[in-house]
């Protein structure tokens, strides 16, 4: 979860919180 650039770290956080998708 902690890997990546600032872009991917923030995107990971947003995707994790999105209820309409099954984020793995």
PDBML (XML) file of the C-alpha atoms, coordinates in Angstrom:
<?xml version="1.0" encoding="UTF-8" ?>
<PDBx:datablock datablockName="MODEL"
   xmlns:PDBx="http://pdbml.pdb.org/schema/pdbx-v50.xsd"
   xmlns:xsi="http://www.w3.org/2001/XMLSchema-instance"
   xsi:schemaLocation="http://pdbml.pdb.org/schema/pdbx-v50.xsd pdbx-v50.xsd">
   <PDBx:atom_siteCategory>
      <PDBx:atom_site id="1">
         <PDBx:B_iso_or_equiv>0.00</PDBx:B_iso_or_equiv>
         <PDBx:Cartn_x>0.000</PDBx:Cartn_x>
         <PDBx:Cartn_y>0.000</PDBx:Cartn_y>
         <PDBx:Cartn_z>0.000</PDBx:Cartn_z>
         <PDBx:auth_asym_id>A</PDBx:auth_asym_id>
         <PDBx:auth_atom_id>CA</PDBx:auth_atom_id>
         <PDBx:auth_comp_id>UNK</PDBx:auth_comp_id>
         <PDBx:auth_seq_id>1</PDBx:auth_seq_id>
         <PDBx:group_PDB>ATOM</PDBx:group_PDB>
         <PDBx:label_alt_id xsi:nil="true" />
         <PDBx:label_asym_id>A</PDBx:label_asym_id>
         <PDBx:label_atom_id>CA</PDBx:label_atom_id>
         <PDBx:label_comp_id>UNK</PDBx:label_comp_id>
         <PDBx:label_entity_id>1</PDBx:label_entity_id>
         <PDBx:label_seq_id>1</PDBx:label_seq_id>
         <PDBx:occupancy>1.00</PDBx:occupancy>
         <PDBx:pdbx_PDB_model_num>1</PDBx:pdbx_PDB_model_num>
         <PDBx:type_symbol>C</PDBx:type_symbol>
      </PDBx:atom_site>
      <PDBx:atom_site id="2">
         <PDBx:B_iso_or_equiv>0.00</PDBx:B_iso_or_equiv>
         <PDBx:Cartn_x>2.887</PDBx:Cartn_x>
         <PDBx:Cartn_y>2.385</PDBx:Cartn_y>
         <PDBx:Cartn_z>0.740</PDBx:Cartn_z>
         <PDBx:auth_asym_id>A</PDBx:auth_asym_id>
         <PDBx:auth_atom_id>CA</PDBx:auth_atom_id>
         <PDBx:auth_comp_id>UNK</PDBx:auth_comp_id>
         <PDBx:auth_seq_id>2</PDBx:auth_seq_id>
         <PDBx:group_PDB>ATOM</PDBx:group_PDB>
         <PDBx:label_alt_id xsi:nil="true" />
         <PDBx:label_asym_id>A</PDBx:label_asym_id>
         <PDBx:label_atom_id>CA</PDBx:label_atom_id>
         <PDBx:label_comp_id>UNK</PDBx:label_comp_id>
         <PDBx:label_entity_id>1</PDBx:label_entity_id>
         <PDBx:label_seq_id>2</PDBx:label_seq_id>
         <PDBx:occupancy>1.00</PDBx:occupancy>
         <PDBx:pdbx_PDB_model_num>1</PDBx:pdbx_PDB_model_num>
         <PDBx:type_symbol>C</PDBx:type_symbol>
      </PDBx:atom_site>
      <PDBx:atom_site id="3">
         <PDBx:B_iso_or_equiv>0.00</PDBx:B_iso_or_equiv>
         <PDBx:Cartn_x>4.616</PDBx:Cartn_x>
         <PDBx:Cartn_y>1.873</PDBx:Cartn_y>
         <PDBx:Cartn_z>-2.631</PDBx:Cartn_z>
         <PDBx:auth_asym_id>A</PDBx:auth_asym_id>
         <PDBx:auth_atom_id>CA</PDBx:auth_atom_id>
         <PDBx:auth_comp_id>UNK</PDBx:auth_comp_id>
         <PDBx:auth_seq_id>3</PDBx:auth_seq_id>
         <PDBx:group_PDB>ATOM</PDBx:group_PDB>
         <PDBx:label_alt_id xsi:nil="true" />
         <PDBx:label_asym_id>A</PDBx:label_asym_id>
         <PDBx:label_atom_id>CA</PDBx:label_atom_id>
         <PDBx:label_comp_id>UNK</PDBx:label_comp_id>
         <PDBx:label_entity_id>1</PDBx:label_entity_id>
         <PDBx:label_seq_id>3</PDBx:label_seq_id>
         <PDBx:occupancy>1.00</PDBx:occupancy>
         <PDBx:pdbx_PDB_model_num>1</PDBx:pdbx_PDB_model_num>
         <PDBx:type_symbol>C</PDBx:type_symbol>
      </PDBx:atom_site>
      <PDBx:atom_site id="4">
         <PDBx:B_iso_or_equiv>0.00</PDBx:B_iso_or_equiv>
         <PDBx:Cartn_x>4.686</PDBx:Cartn_x>
         <PDBx:Cartn_y>4.275</PDBx:Cartn_y>
         <PDBx:Cartn_z>-5.532</PDBx:Cartn_z>
         <PDBx:auth_asym_id>A</PDBx:auth_asym_id>
         <PDBx:auth_atom_id>CA</PDBx:auth_atom_id>
         <PDBx:auth_comp_id>UNK</PDBx:auth_comp_id>
         <PDBx:auth_seq_id>4</PDBx:auth_seq_id>
         <PDBx:group_PDB>ATOM</PDBx:group_PDB>
         <PDBx:label_alt_id xsi:nil="true" />
         <PDBx:label_asym_id>A</PDBx:label_asym_id>
         <PDBx:label_atom_id>CA</PDBx:label_atom_id>
         <PDBx:label_comp_id>UNK</PDBx:label_comp_id>
         <PDBx:label_entity_id>1</PDBx:label_entity_id>
         <PDBx:label_seq_id>4</PDBx:label_seq_id>
         <PDBx:occupancy>1.00</PDBx:occupancy>
         <PDBx:pdbx_PDB_model_num>1</PDBx:pdbx_PDB_model_num>
         <PDBx:type_symbol>C</PDBx:type_symbol>
      </PDBx:atom_site>
      <PDBx:atom_site id="5">
         <PDBx:B_iso_or_equiv>0.00</PDBx:B_iso_or_equiv>
         <PDBx:Cartn_x>4.673</PDBx:Cartn_x>
         <PDBx:Cartn_y>7.968</PDBx:Cartn_y>
         <PDBx:Cartn_z>-6.390</PDBx:Cartn_z>
         <PDBx:auth_asym_id>A</PDBx:auth_asym_id>
         <PDBx:auth_atom_id>CA</PDBx:auth_atom_id>
         <PDBx:auth_comp_id>UNK</PDBx:auth_comp_id>
         <PDBx:auth_seq_id>5</PDBx:auth_seq_id>
         <PDBx:group_PDB>ATOM</PDBx:group_PDB>
         <PDBx:label_alt_id xsi:nil="true" />
         <PDBx:label_asym_id>A</PDBx:label_asym_id>
         <PDBx:label_atom_id>CA</PDBx:label_atom_id>
         <PDBx:label_comp_id>UNK</PDBx:label_comp_id>
         <PDBx:label_entity_id>1</PDBx:label_entity_id>
         <PDBx:label_seq_id>5</PDBx:label_seq_id>
         <PDBx:occupancy>1.00</PDBx:occupancy>
         <PDBx:pdbx_PDB_model_num>1</PDBx:pdbx_PDB_model_num>
         <PDBx:type_symbol>C</PDBx:type_symbol>
      </PDBx:atom_site>
      <PDBx:atom_site id="6">
         <PDBx:B_iso_or_equiv>0.00</PDBx:B_iso_or_equiv>
         <PDBx:Cartn_x>2.532</PDBx:Cartn_x>
         <PDBx:Cartn_y>10.652</PDBx:Cartn_y>
         <PDBx:Cartn_z>-4.815</PDBx:Cartn_z>
         <PDBx:auth_asym_id>A</PDBx:auth_asym_id>
         <PDBx:auth_atom_id>CA</PDBx:auth_atom_id>
         <PDBx:auth_comp_id>UNK</PDBx:auth_comp_id>
         <PDBx:auth_seq_id>6</PDBx:auth_seq_id>
         <PDBx:group_PDB>ATOM</PDBx:group_PDB>
         <PDBx:label_alt_id xsi:nil="true" />
         <PDBx:label_asym_id>A</PDBx:label_asym_id>
         <PDBx:label_atom_id>CA</PDBx:label_atom_id>
         <PDBx:label_comp_id>UNK</PDBx:label_comp_id>
         <PDBx:label_entity_id>1</PDBx:label_entity_id>
         <PDBx:label_seq_id>6</PDBx:label_seq_id>
         <PDBx:occupancy>1.00</PDBx:occupancy>
         <PDBx:pdbx_PDB_model_num>1</PDBx:pdbx_PDB_model_num>
         <PDBx:type_symbol>C</PDBx:type_symbol>
      </PDBx:atom_site>
      <PDBx:atom_site id="7">
         <PDBx:B_iso_or_equiv>0.00</PDBx:B_iso_or_equiv>
         <PDBx:Cartn_x>0.068</PDBx:Cartn_x>
         <PDBx:Cartn_y>10.086</PDBx:Cartn_y>
         <PDBx:Cartn_z>-7.651</PDBx:Cartn_z>
         <PDBx:auth_asym_id>A</PDBx:auth_asym_id>
         <PDBx:auth_atom_id>CA</PDBx:auth_atom_id>
         <PDBx:auth_comp_id>UNK</PDBx:auth_comp_id>
         <PDBx:auth_seq_id>7</PDBx:auth_seq_id>
         <PDBx:group_PDB>ATOM</PDBx:group_PDB>
         <PDBx:label_alt_id xsi:nil="true" />
         <PDBx:label_asym_id>A</PDBx:label_asym_id>
         <PDBx:label_atom_id>CA</PDBx:label_atom_id>
         <PDBx:label_comp_id>UNK</PDBx:label_comp_id>
         <PDBx:label_entity_id>1</PDBx:label_entity_id>
         <PDBx:label_seq_id>7</PDBx:label_seq_id>
         <PDBx:occupancy>1.00</PDBx:occupancy>
         <PDBx:pdbx_PDB_model_num>1</PDBx:pdbx_PDB_model_num>
         <PDBx:type_symbol>C</PDBx:type_symbol>
      </PDBx:atom_site>
      <PDBx:atom_site id="8">
         <PDBx:B_iso_or_equiv>0.00</PDBx:B_iso_or_equiv>
         <PDBx:Cartn_x>-0.358</PDBx:Cartn_x>
         <PDBx:Cartn_y>6.363</PDBx:Cartn_y>
         <PDBx:Cartn_z>-7.010</PDBx:Cartn_z>
         <PDBx:auth_asym_id>A</PDBx:auth_asym_id>
         <PDBx:auth_atom_id>CA</PDBx:auth_atom_id>
         <PDBx:auth_comp_id>UNK</PDBx:auth_comp_id>
         <PDBx:auth_seq_id>8</PDBx:auth_seq_id>
         <PDBx:group_PDB>ATOM</PDBx:group_PDB>
         <PDBx:label_alt_id xsi:nil="true" />
         <PDBx:label_asym_id>A</PDBx:label_asym_id>
         <PDBx:label_atom_id>CA</PDBx:label_atom_id>
         <PDBx:label_comp_id>UNK</PDBx:label_comp_id>
         <PDBx:label_entity_id>1</PDBx:label_entity_id>
         <PDBx:label_seq_id>8</PDBx:label_seq_id>
         <PDBx:occupancy>1.00</PDBx:occupancy>
         <PDBx:pdbx_PDB_model_num>1</PDBx:pdbx_PDB_model_num>
         <PDBx:type_symbol>C</PDBx:type_symbol>
      </PDBx:atom_site>
      <PDBx:atom_site id="9">
         <PDBx:B_iso_or_equiv>0.00</PDBx:B_iso_or_equiv>
         <PDBx:Cartn_x>-0.398</PDBx:Cartn_x>
         <PDBx:Cartn_y>6.704</PDBx:Cartn_y>
         <PDBx:Cartn_z>-3.211</PDBx:Cartn_z>
         <PDBx:auth_asym_id>A</PDBx:auth_asym_id>
         <PDBx:auth_atom_id>CA</PDBx:auth_atom_id>
         <PDBx:auth_comp_id>UNK</PDBx:auth_comp_id>
         <PDBx:auth_seq_id>9</PDBx:auth_seq_id>
         <PDBx:group_PDB>ATOM</PDBx:group_PDB>
         <PDBx:label_alt_id xsi:nil="true" />
         <PDBx:label_asym_id>A</PDBx:label_asym_id>
         <PDBx:label_atom_id>CA</PDBx:label_atom_id>
         <PDBx:label_comp_id>UNK</PDBx:label_comp_id>
         <PDBx:label_entity_id>1</PDBx:label_entity_id>
         <PDBx:label_seq_id>9</PDBx:label_seq_id>
         <PDBx:occupancy>1.00</PDBx:occupancy>
         <PDBx:pdbx_PDB_model_num>1</PDBx:pdbx_PDB_model_num>
         <PDBx:type_symbol>C</PDBx:type_symbol>
      </PDBx:atom_site>
      <PDBx:atom_site id="10">
         <PDBx:B_iso_or_equiv>0.00</PDBx:B_iso_or_equiv>
         <PDBx:Cartn_x>-3.226</PDBx:Cartn_x>
         <PDBx:Cartn_y>9.210</PDBx:Cartn_y>
         <PDBx:Cartn_z>-3.337</PDBx:Cartn_z>
         <PDBx:auth_asym_id>A</PDBx:auth_asym_id>
         <PDBx:auth_atom_id>CA</PDBx:auth_atom_id>
         <PDBx:auth_comp_id>UNK</PDBx:auth_comp_id>
         <PDBx:auth_seq_id>10</PDBx:auth_seq_id>
         <PDBx:group_PDB>ATOM</PDBx:group_PDB>
         <PDBx:label_alt_id xsi:nil="true" />
         <PDBx:label_asym_id>A</PDBx:label_asym_id>
         <PDBx:label_atom_id>CA</PDBx:label_atom_id>
         <PDBx:label_comp_id>UNK</PDBx:label_comp_id>
         <PDBx:label_entity_id>1</PDBx:label_entity_id>
         <PDBx:label_seq_id>10</PDBx:label_seq_id>
         <PDBx:occupancy>1.00</PDBx:occupancy>
         <PDBx:pdbx_PDB_model_num>1</PDBx:pdbx_PDB_model_num>
         <PDBx:type_symbol>C</PDBx:type_symbol>
      </PDBx:atom_site>
      <PDBx:atom_site id="11">
         <PDBx:B_iso_or_equiv>0.00</PDBx:B_iso_or_equiv>
         <PDBx:Cartn_x>-5.023</PDBx:Cartn_x>
         <PDBx:Cartn_y>7.208</PDBx:Cartn_y>
         <PDBx:Cartn_z>-6.057</PDBx:Cartn_z>
         <PDBx:auth_asym_id>A</PDBx:auth_asym_id>
         <PDBx:auth_atom_id>CA</PDBx:auth_atom_id>
         <PDBx:auth_comp_id>UNK</PDBx:auth_comp_id>
         <PDBx:auth_seq_id>11</PDBx:auth_seq_id>
         <PDBx:group_PDB>ATOM</PDBx:group_PDB>
         <PDBx:label_alt_id xsi:nil="true" />
         <PDBx:label_asym_id>A</PDBx:label_asym_id>
         <PDBx:label_atom_id>CA</PDBx:label_atom_id>
         <PDBx:label_comp_id>UNK</PDBx:label_comp_id>
         <PDBx:label_entity_id>1</PDBx:label_entity_id>
         <PDBx:label_seq_id>11</PDBx:label_seq_id>
         <PDBx:occupancy>1.00</PDBx:occupancy>
         <PDBx:pdbx_PDB_model_num>1</PDBx:pdbx_PDB_model_num>
         <PDBx:type_symbol>C</PDBx:type_symbol>
      </PDBx:atom_site>
      <PDBx:atom_site id="12">
         <PDBx:B_iso_or_equiv>0.00</PDBx:B_iso_or_equiv>
         <PDBx:Cartn_x>-4.747</PDBx:Cartn_x>
         <PDBx:Cartn_y>4.097</PDBx:Cartn_y>
         <PDBx:Cartn_z>-3.880</PDBx:Cartn_z>
         <PDBx:auth_asym_id>A</PDBx:auth_asym_id>
         <PDBx:auth_atom_id>CA</PDBx:auth_atom_id>
         <PDBx:auth_comp_id>UNK</PDBx:auth_comp_id>
         <PDBx:auth_seq_id>12</PDBx:auth_seq_id>
         <PDBx:group_PDB>ATOM</PDBx:group_PDB>
         <PDBx:label_alt_id xsi:nil="true" />
         <PDBx:label_asym_id>A</PDBx:label_asym_id>
         <PDBx:label_atom_id>CA</PDBx:label_atom_id>
         <PDBx:label_comp_id>UNK</PDBx:label_comp_id>
         <PDBx:label_entity_id>1</PDBx:label_entity_id>
         <PDBx:label_seq_id>12</PDBx:label_seq_id>
         <PDBx:occupancy>1.00</PDBx:occupancy>
         <PDBx:pdbx_PDB_model_num>1</PDBx:pdbx_PDB_model_num>
         <PDBx:type_symbol>C</PDBx:type_symbol>
      </PDBx:atom_site>
      <PDBx:atom_site id="13">
         <PDBx:B_iso_or_equiv>0.00</PDBx:B_iso_or_equiv>
         <PDBx:Cartn_x>-6.431</PDBx:Cartn_x>
         <PDBx:Cartn_y>5.966</PDBx:Cartn_y>
         <PDBx:Cartn_z>-1.024</PDBx:Cartn_z>
         <PDBx:auth_asym_id>A</PDBx:auth_asym_id>
         <PDBx:auth_atom_id>CA</PDBx:auth_atom_id>
         <PDBx:auth_comp_id>UNK</PDBx:auth_comp_id>
         <PDBx:auth_seq_id>13</PDBx:auth_seq_id>
         <PDBx:group_PDB>ATOM</PDBx:group_PDB>
         <PDBx:label_alt_id xsi:nil="true" />
         <PDBx:label_asym_id>A</PDBx:label_asym_id>
         <PDBx:label_atom_id>CA</PDBx:label_atom_id>
         <PDBx:label_comp_id>UNK</PDBx:label_comp_id>
         <PDBx:label_entity_id>1</PDBx:label_entity_id>
         <PDBx:label_seq_id>13</PDBx:label_seq_id>
         <PDBx:occupancy>1.00</PDBx:occupancy>
         <PDBx:pdbx_PDB_model_num>1</PDBx:pdbx_PDB_model_num>
         <PDBx:type_symbol>C</PDBx:type_symbol>
      </PDBx:atom_site>
      <PDBx:atom_site id="14">
         <PDBx:B_iso_or_equiv>0.00</PDBx:B_iso_or_equiv>
         <PDBx:Cartn_x>-9.271</PDBx:Cartn_x>
         <PDBx:Cartn_y>7.203</PDBx:Cartn_y>
         <PDBx:Cartn_z>-3.247</PDBx:Cartn_z>
         <PDBx:auth_asym_id>A</PDBx:auth_asym_id>
         <PDBx:auth_atom_id>CA</PDBx:auth_atom_id>
         <PDBx:auth_comp_id>UNK</PDBx:auth_comp_id>
         <PDBx:auth_seq_id>14</PDBx:auth_seq_id>
         <PDBx:group_PDB>ATOM</PDBx:group_PDB>
         <PDBx:label_alt_id xsi:nil="true" />
         <PDBx:label_asym_id>A</PDBx:label_asym_id>
         <PDBx:label_atom_id>CA</PDBx:label_atom_id>
         <PDBx:label_comp_id>UNK</PDBx:label_comp_id>
         <PDBx:label_entity_id>1</PDBx:label_entity_id>
         <PDBx:label_seq_id>14</PDBx:label_seq_id>
         <PDBx:occupancy>1.00</PDBx:occupancy>
         <PDBx:pdbx_PDB_model_num>1</PDBx:pdbx_PDB_model_num>
         <PDBx:type_symbol>C</PDBx:type_symbol>
      </PDBx:atom_site>
      <PDBx:atom_site id="15">
         <PDBx:B_iso_or_equiv>0.00</PDBx:B_iso_or_equiv>
         <PDBx:Cartn_x>-9.844</PDBx:Cartn_x>
         <PDBx:Cartn_y>3.827</PDBx:Cartn_y>
         <PDBx:Cartn_z>-4.893</PDBx:Cartn_z>
         <PDBx:auth_asym_id>A</PDBx:auth_asym_id>
         <PDBx:auth_atom_id>CA</PDBx:auth_atom_id>
         <PDBx:auth_comp_id>UNK</PDBx:auth_comp_id>
         <PDBx:auth_seq_id>15</PDBx:auth_seq_id>
         <PDBx:group_PDB>ATOM</PDBx:group_PDB>
         <PDBx:label_alt_id xsi:nil="true" />
         <PDBx:label_asym_id>A</PDBx:label_asym_id>
         <PDBx:label_atom_id>CA</PDBx:label_atom_id>
         <PDBx:label_comp_id>UNK</PDBx:label_comp_id>
         <PDBx:label_entity_id>1</PDBx:label_entity_id>
         <PDBx:label_seq_id>15</PDBx:label_seq_id>
         <PDBx:occupancy>1.00</PDBx:occupancy>
         <PDBx:pdbx_PDB_model_num>1</PDBx:pdbx_PDB_model_num>
         <PDBx:type_symbol>C</PDBx:type_symbol>
      </PDBx:atom_site>
      <PDBx:atom_site id="16">
         <PDBx:B_iso_or_equiv>0.00</PDBx:B_iso_or_equiv>
         <PDBx:Cartn_x>-9.891</PDBx:Cartn_x>
         <PDBx:Cartn_y>2.094</PDBx:Cartn_y>
         <PDBx:Cartn_z>-1.483</PDBx:Cartn_z>
         <PDBx:auth_asym_id>A</PDBx:auth_asym_id>
         <PDBx:auth_atom_id>CA</PDBx:auth_atom_id>
         <PDBx:auth_comp_id>UNK</PDBx:auth_comp_id>
         <PDBx:auth_seq_id>16</PDBx:auth_seq_id>
         <PDBx:group_PDB>ATOM</PDBx:group_PDB>
         <PDBx:label_alt_id xsi:nil="true" />
         <PDBx:label_asym_id>A</PDBx:label_asym_id>
         <PDBx:label_atom_id>CA</PDBx:label_atom_id>
         <PDBx:label_comp_id>UNK</PDBx:label_comp_id>
         <PDBx:label_entity_id>1</PDBx:label_entity_id>
         <PDBx:label_seq_id>16</PDBx:label_seq_id>
         <PDBx:occupancy>1.00</PDBx:occupancy>
         <PDBx:pdbx_PDB_model_num>1</PDBx:pdbx_PDB_model_num>
         <PDBx:type_symbol>C</PDBx:type_symbol>
      </PDBx:atom_site>
      <PDBx:atom_site id="17">
         <PDBx:B_iso_or_equiv>0.00</PDBx:B_iso_or_equiv>
         <PDBx:Cartn_x>-12.688</PDBx:Cartn_x>
         <PDBx:Cartn_y>4.380</PDBx:Cartn_y>
         <PDBx:Cartn_z>-0.329</PDBx:Cartn_z>
         <PDBx:auth_asym_id>A</PDBx:auth_asym_id>
         <PDBx:auth_atom_id>CA</PDBx:auth_atom_id>
         <PDBx:auth_comp_id>UNK</PDBx:auth_comp_id>
         <PDBx:auth_seq_id>17</PDBx:auth_seq_id>
         <PDBx:group_PDB>ATOM</PDBx:group_PDB>
         <PDBx:label_alt_id xsi:nil="true" />
         <PDBx:label_asym_id>A</PDBx:label_asym_id>
         <PDBx:label_atom_id>CA</PDBx:label_atom_id>
         <PDBx:label_comp_id>UNK</PDBx:label_comp_id>
         <PDBx:label_entity_id>1</PDBx:label_entity_id>
         <PDBx:label_seq_id>17</PDBx:label_seq_id>
         <PDBx:occupancy>1.00</PDBx:occupancy>
         <PDBx:pdbx_PDB_model_num>1</PDBx:pdbx_PDB_model_num>
         <PDBx:type_symbol>C</PDBx:type_symbol>
      </PDBx:atom_site>
      <PDBx:atom_site id="18">
         <PDBx:B_iso_or_equiv>0.00</PDBx:B_iso_or_equiv>
         <PDBx:Cartn_x>-14.874</PDBx:Cartn_x>
         <PDBx:Cartn_y>4.047</PDBx:Cartn_y>
         <PDBx:Cartn_z>-3.441</PDBx:Cartn_z>
         <PDBx:auth_asym_id>A</PDBx:auth_asym_id>
         <PDBx:auth_atom_id>CA</PDBx:auth_atom_id>
         <PDBx:auth_comp_id>UNK</PDBx:auth_comp_id>
         <PDBx:auth_seq_id>18</PDBx:auth_seq_id>
         <PDBx:group_PDB>ATOM</PDBx:group_PDB>
         <PDBx:label_alt_id xsi:nil="true" />
         <PDBx:label_asym_id>A</PDBx:label_asym_id>
         <PDBx:label_atom_id>CA</PDBx:label_atom_id>
         <PDBx:label_comp_id>UNK</PDBx:label_comp_id>
         <PDBx:label_entity_id>1</PDBx:label_entity_id>
         <PDBx:label_seq_id>18</PDBx:label_seq_id>
         <PDBx:occupancy>1.00</PDBx:occupancy>
         <PDBx:pdbx_PDB_model_num>1</PDBx:pdbx_PDB_model_num>
         <PDBx:type_symbol>C</PDBx:type_symbol>
      </PDBx:atom_site>
      <PDBx:atom_site id="19">
         <PDBx:B_iso_or_equiv>0.00</PDBx:B_iso_or_equiv>
         <PDBx:Cartn_x>-17.923</PDBx:Cartn_x>
         <PDBx:Cartn_y>1.887</PDBx:Cartn_y>
         <PDBx:Cartn_z>-2.556</PDBx:Cartn_z>
         <PDBx:auth_asym_id>A</PDBx:auth_asym_id>
         <PDBx:auth_atom_id>CA</PDBx:auth_atom_id>
         <PDBx:auth_comp_id>UNK</PDBx:auth_comp_id>
         <PDBx:auth_seq_id>19</PDBx:auth_seq_id>
         <PDBx:group_PDB>ATOM</PDBx:group_PDB>
         <PDBx:label_alt_id xsi:nil="true" />
         <PDBx:label_asym_id>A</PDBx:label_asym_id>
         <PDBx:label_atom_id>CA</PDBx:label_atom_id>
         <PDBx:label_comp_id>UNK</PDBx:label_comp_id>
         <PDBx:label_entity_id>1</PDBx:label_entity_id>
         <PDBx:label_seq_id>19</PDBx:label_seq_id>
         <PDBx:occupancy>1.00</PDBx:occupancy>
         <PDBx:pdbx_PDB_model_num>1</PDBx:pdbx_PDB_model_num>
         <PDBx:type_symbol>C</PDBx:type_symbol>
      </PDBx:atom_site>
      <PDBx:atom_site id="20">
         <PDBx:B_iso_or_equiv>0.00</PDBx:B_iso_or_equiv>
         <PDBx:Cartn_x>-19.042</PDBx:Cartn_x>
         <PDBx:Cartn_y>1.245</PDBx:Cartn_y>
         <PDBx:Cartn_z>-6.154</PDBx:Cartn_z>
         <PDBx:auth_asym_id>A</PDBx:auth_asym_id>
         <PDBx:auth_atom_id>CA</PDBx:auth_atom_id>
         <PDBx:auth_comp_id>UNK</PDBx:auth_comp_id>
         <PDBx:auth_seq_id>20</PDBx:auth_seq_id>
         <PDBx:group_PDB>ATOM</PDBx:group_PDB>
         <PDBx:label_alt_id xsi:nil="true" />
         <PDBx:label_asym_id>A</PDBx:label_asym_id>
         <PDBx:label_atom_id>CA</PDBx:label_atom_id>
         <PDBx:label_comp_id>UNK</PDBx:label_comp_id>
         <PDBx:label_entity_id>1</PDBx:label_entity_id>
         <PDBx:label_seq_id>20</PDBx:label_seq_id>
         <PDBx:occupancy>1.00</PDBx:occupancy>
         <PDBx:pdbx_PDB_model_num>1</PDBx:pdbx_PDB_model_num>
         <PDBx:type_symbol>C</PDBx:type_symbol>
      </PDBx:atom_site>
      <PDBx:atom_site id="21">
         <PDBx:B_iso_or_equiv>0.00</PDBx:B_iso_or_equiv>
         <PDBx:Cartn_x>-15.988</PDBx:Cartn_x>
         <PDBx:Cartn_y>-0.837</PDBx:Cartn_y>
         <PDBx:Cartn_z>-7.116</PDBx:Cartn_z>
         <PDBx:auth_asym_id>A</PDBx:auth_asym_id>
         <PDBx:auth_atom_id>CA</PDBx:auth_atom_id>
         <PDBx:auth_comp_id>UNK</PDBx:auth_comp_id>
         <PDBx:auth_seq_id>21</PDBx:auth_seq_id>
         <PDBx:group_PDB>ATOM</PDBx:group_PDB>
         <PDBx:label_alt_id xsi:nil="true" />
         <PDBx:label_asym_id>A</PDBx:label_asym_id>
         <PDBx:label_atom_id>CA</PDBx:label_atom_id>
         <PDBx:label_comp_id>UNK</PDBx:label_comp_id>
         <PDBx:label_entity_id>1</PDBx:label_entity_id>
         <PDBx:label_seq_id>21</PDBx:label_seq_id>
         <PDBx:occupancy>1.00</PDBx:occupancy>
         <PDBx:pdbx_PDB_model_num>1</PDBx:pdbx_PDB_model_num>
         <PDBx:type_symbol>C</PDBx:type_symbol>
      </PDBx:atom_site>
      <PDBx:atom_site id="22">
         <PDBx:B_iso_or_equiv>0.00</PDBx:B_iso_or_equiv>
         <PDBx:Cartn_x>-14.196</PDBx:Cartn_x>
         <PDBx:Cartn_y>-3.967</PDBx:Cartn_y>
         <PDBx:Cartn_z>-5.891</PDBx:Cartn_z>
         <PDBx:auth_asym_id>A</PDBx:auth_asym_id>
         <PDBx:auth_atom_id>CA</PDBx:auth_atom_id>
         <PDBx:auth_comp_id>UNK</PDBx:auth_comp_id>
         <PDBx:auth_seq_id>22</PDBx:auth_seq_id>
         <PDBx:group_PDB>ATOM</PDBx:group_PDB>
         <PDBx:label_alt_id xsi:nil="true" />
         <PDBx:label_asym_id>A</PDBx:label_asym_id>
         <PDBx:label_atom_id>CA</PDBx:label_atom_id>
         <PDBx:label_comp_id>UNK</PDBx:label_comp_id>
         <PDBx:label_entity_id>1</PDBx:label_entity_id>
         <PDBx:label_seq_id>22</PDBx:label_seq_id>
         <PDBx:occupancy>1.00</PDBx:occupancy>
         <PDBx:pdbx_PDB_model_num>1</PDBx:pdbx_PDB_model_num>
         <PDBx:type_symbol>C</PDBx:type_symbol>
      </PDBx:atom_site>
      <PDBx:atom_site id="23">
         <PDBx:B_iso_or_equiv>0.00</PDBx:B_iso_or_equiv>
         <PDBx:Cartn_x>-10.686</PDBx:Cartn_x>
         <PDBx:Cartn_y>-2.587</PDBx:Cartn_y>
         <PDBx:Cartn_z>-5.393</PDBx:Cartn_z>
         <PDBx:auth_asym_id>A</PDBx:auth_asym_id>
         <PDBx:auth_atom_id>CA</PDBx:auth_atom_id>
         <PDBx:auth_comp_id>UNK</PDBx:auth_comp_id>
         <PDBx:auth_seq_id>23</PDBx:auth_seq_id>
         <PDBx:group_PDB>ATOM</PDBx:group_PDB>
         <PDBx:label_alt_id xsi:nil="true" />
         <PDBx:label_asym_id>A</PDBx:label_asym_id>
         <PDBx:label_atom_id>CA</PDBx:label_atom_id>
         <PDBx:label_comp_id>UNK</PDBx:label_comp_id>
         <PDBx:label_entity_id>1</PDBx:label_entity_id>
         <PDBx:label_seq_id>23</PDBx:label_seq_id>
         <PDBx:occupancy>1.00</PDBx:occupancy>
         <PDBx:pdbx_PDB_model_num>1</PDBx:pdbx_PDB_model_num>
         <PDBx:type_symbol>C</PDBx:type_symbol>
      </PDBx:atom_site>
      <PDBx:atom_site id="24">
         <PDBx:B_iso_or_equiv>0.00</PDBx:B_iso_or_equiv>
         <PDBx:Cartn_x>-8.037</PDBx:Cartn_x>
         <PDBx:Cartn_y>-5.258</PDBx:Cartn_y>
         <PDBx:Cartn_z>-4.730</PDBx:Cartn_z>
         <PDBx:auth_asym_id>A</PDBx:auth_asym_id>
         <PDBx:auth_atom_id>CA</PDBx:auth_atom_id>
         <PDBx:auth_comp_id>UNK</PDBx:auth_comp_id>
         <PDBx:auth_seq_id>24</PDBx:auth_seq_id>
         <PDBx:group_PDB>ATOM</PDBx:group_PDB>
         <PDBx:label_alt_id xsi:nil="true" />
         <PDBx:label_asym_id>A</PDBx:label_asym_id>
         <PDBx:label_atom_id>CA</PDBx:label_atom_id>
         <PDBx:label_comp_id>UNK</PDBx:label_comp_id>
         <PDBx:label_entity_id>1</PDBx:label_entity_id>
         <PDBx:label_seq_id>24</PDBx:label_seq_id>
         <PDBx:occupancy>1.00</PDBx:occupancy>
         <PDBx:pdbx_PDB_model_num>1</PDBx:pdbx_PDB_model_num>
         <PDBx:type_symbol>C</PDBx:type_symbol>
      </PDBx:atom_site>
   </PDBx:atom_siteCategory>
</PDBx:datablock>
